[in-house]
C-alpha cells in the first residue's frame, strides 16, 4: 500500500505532536490515508479538538479537492 505522507510533512509534525502521543494516533498508524479520513486523531481524543476541515491547515495543504470534503463525508454517513 502507498503511504499518503510520502514527500509530505505529516500532520503530527505540522501540529508538533509529542513523540509520546503520535505513535498511538490513528493518523500515524494508518499512513496510507490522510489524517482527515481517520476515525479519531489524538488531537480529538486527548485535546478535545473538534474536526473542522475548512480551517485545518493540513487539510488545506494536502486535500486534492478544495471543494468540501466534510460535506462529502457527511453525505456518506447519511446514506449509511
Protein backbone atom coordinates (compact mmCIF):
# COMPACT_ATOMS: atom_id res chain seq x y z
CA UNK A 1 0.00 0.00 0.00
CA UNK A 2 1.19 3.50 -0.69
CA UNK A 3 1.93 5.98 2.05
CA UNK A 4 -0.12 9.19 1.76
CA UNK A 5 2.63 11.08 3.60
CA UNK A 6 5.45 10.20 1.18
CA UNK A 7 7.01 13.51 0.13
CA UNK A 8 4.80 15.47 2.53
CA UNK A 9 5.23 16.79 6.04
CA UNK A 10 2.92 14.57 8.14
CA UNK A 11 0.19 16.08 10.29
CA UNK A 12 1.91 15.01 13.53
CA UNK A 13 4.95 17.09 12.50
CA UNK A 14 2.84 20.07 11.41
CA UNK A 15 0.95 20.04 14.72
CA UNK A 16 4.16 19.29 16.66
CA UNK A 17 2.61 16.29 18.39
CA UNK A 18 4.61 14.77 21.21
CA UNK A 19 6.75 11.72 20.44
CA UNK A 20 4.74 10.01 23.18
CA UNK A 21 1.39 10.80 21.57
CA UNK A 22 1.59 10.46 17.80
CA UNK A 23 2.68 6.77 17.72
CA UNK A 24 -0.76 5.95 19.18
CA UNK A 25 -2.70 8.16 16.76
CA UNK A 26 -4.82 6.60 14.00
CA UNK A 27 -3.37 9.12 11.55
CA UNK A 28 0.14 7.82 12.27
CA UNK A 29 -0.91 4.17 12.40
CA UNK A 30 -2.70 4.37 9.03
CA UNK A 31 -0.22 6.23 6.79
CA UNK A 32 -1.96 5.10 3.60
CA UNK A 33 -4.74 7.64 4.30
CA UNK A 34 -4.72 11.33 5.15
CA UNK A 35 -5.42 12.22 8.78
CA UNK A 36 -8.85 13.68 7.99
CA UNK A 37 -10.01 10.22 6.96
CA UNK A 38 -9.08 8.73 10.36
CA UNK A 39 -11.92 7.96 12.73
CA UNK A 40 -10.32 9.86 15.59
CA UNK A 41 -6.95 11.53 15.86
CA UNK A 42 -5.13 12.03 19.13
CA UNK A 43 -5.85 15.78 18.83
CA UNK A 44 -9.53 14.93 19.00
CA UNK A 45 -9.24 12.30 21.72
CA UNK A 46 -6.73 13.87 24.10
CA UNK A 47 -7.22 17.57 23.48
CA UNK A 48 -10.90 17.62 22.57
CA UNK A 49 -10.20 19.45 19.33
CA UNK A 50 -13.20 19.19 17.03
CA UNK A 51 -12.52 18.29 13.42
CA UNK A 52 -13.05 21.25 11.12
CA UNK A 53 -11.78 20.60 7.61
CA UNK A 54 -12.39 24.15 6.40
CA UNK A 55 -9.93 25.64 8.88
CA UNK A 56 -7.44 22.75 9.19
CA UNK A 57 -4.01 23.70 7.87
CA UNK A 58 -3.18 20.08 6.97
CA UNK A 59 -6.41 19.66 5.01
CA UNK A 60 -5.88 22.98 3.22
CA UNK A 61 -2.33 22.00 2.32
CA UNK A 62 -2.92 18.45 1.09
CA UNK A 63 -6.55 17.94 0.11
CA UNK A 64 -6.95 17.03 -3.55
CA UNK A 65 -10.27 18.74 -3.91
CA UNK A 66 -10.70 22.01 -2.09
CA UNK A 67 -14.47 21.74 -2.57
CA UNK A 68 -15.95 20.48 0.66
CA UNK A 69 -14.67 17.16 1.95
CA UNK A 70 -16.72 17.47 5.13
CA UNK A 71 -19.99 17.65 3.23
CA UNK A 72 -18.93 14.69 1.05
CA UNK A 73 -18.11 12.76 4.21
CA UNK A 74 -21.44 13.77 5.77
CA UNK A 75 -23.37 12.53 2.75
CA UNK A 76 -21.67 9.13 3.12
CA UNK A 77 -22.92 8.96 6.73
CA UNK A 78 -26.44 9.98 5.66
CA UNK A 79 -26.62 7.21 3.07
CA UNK A 80 -25.46 4.52 5.54
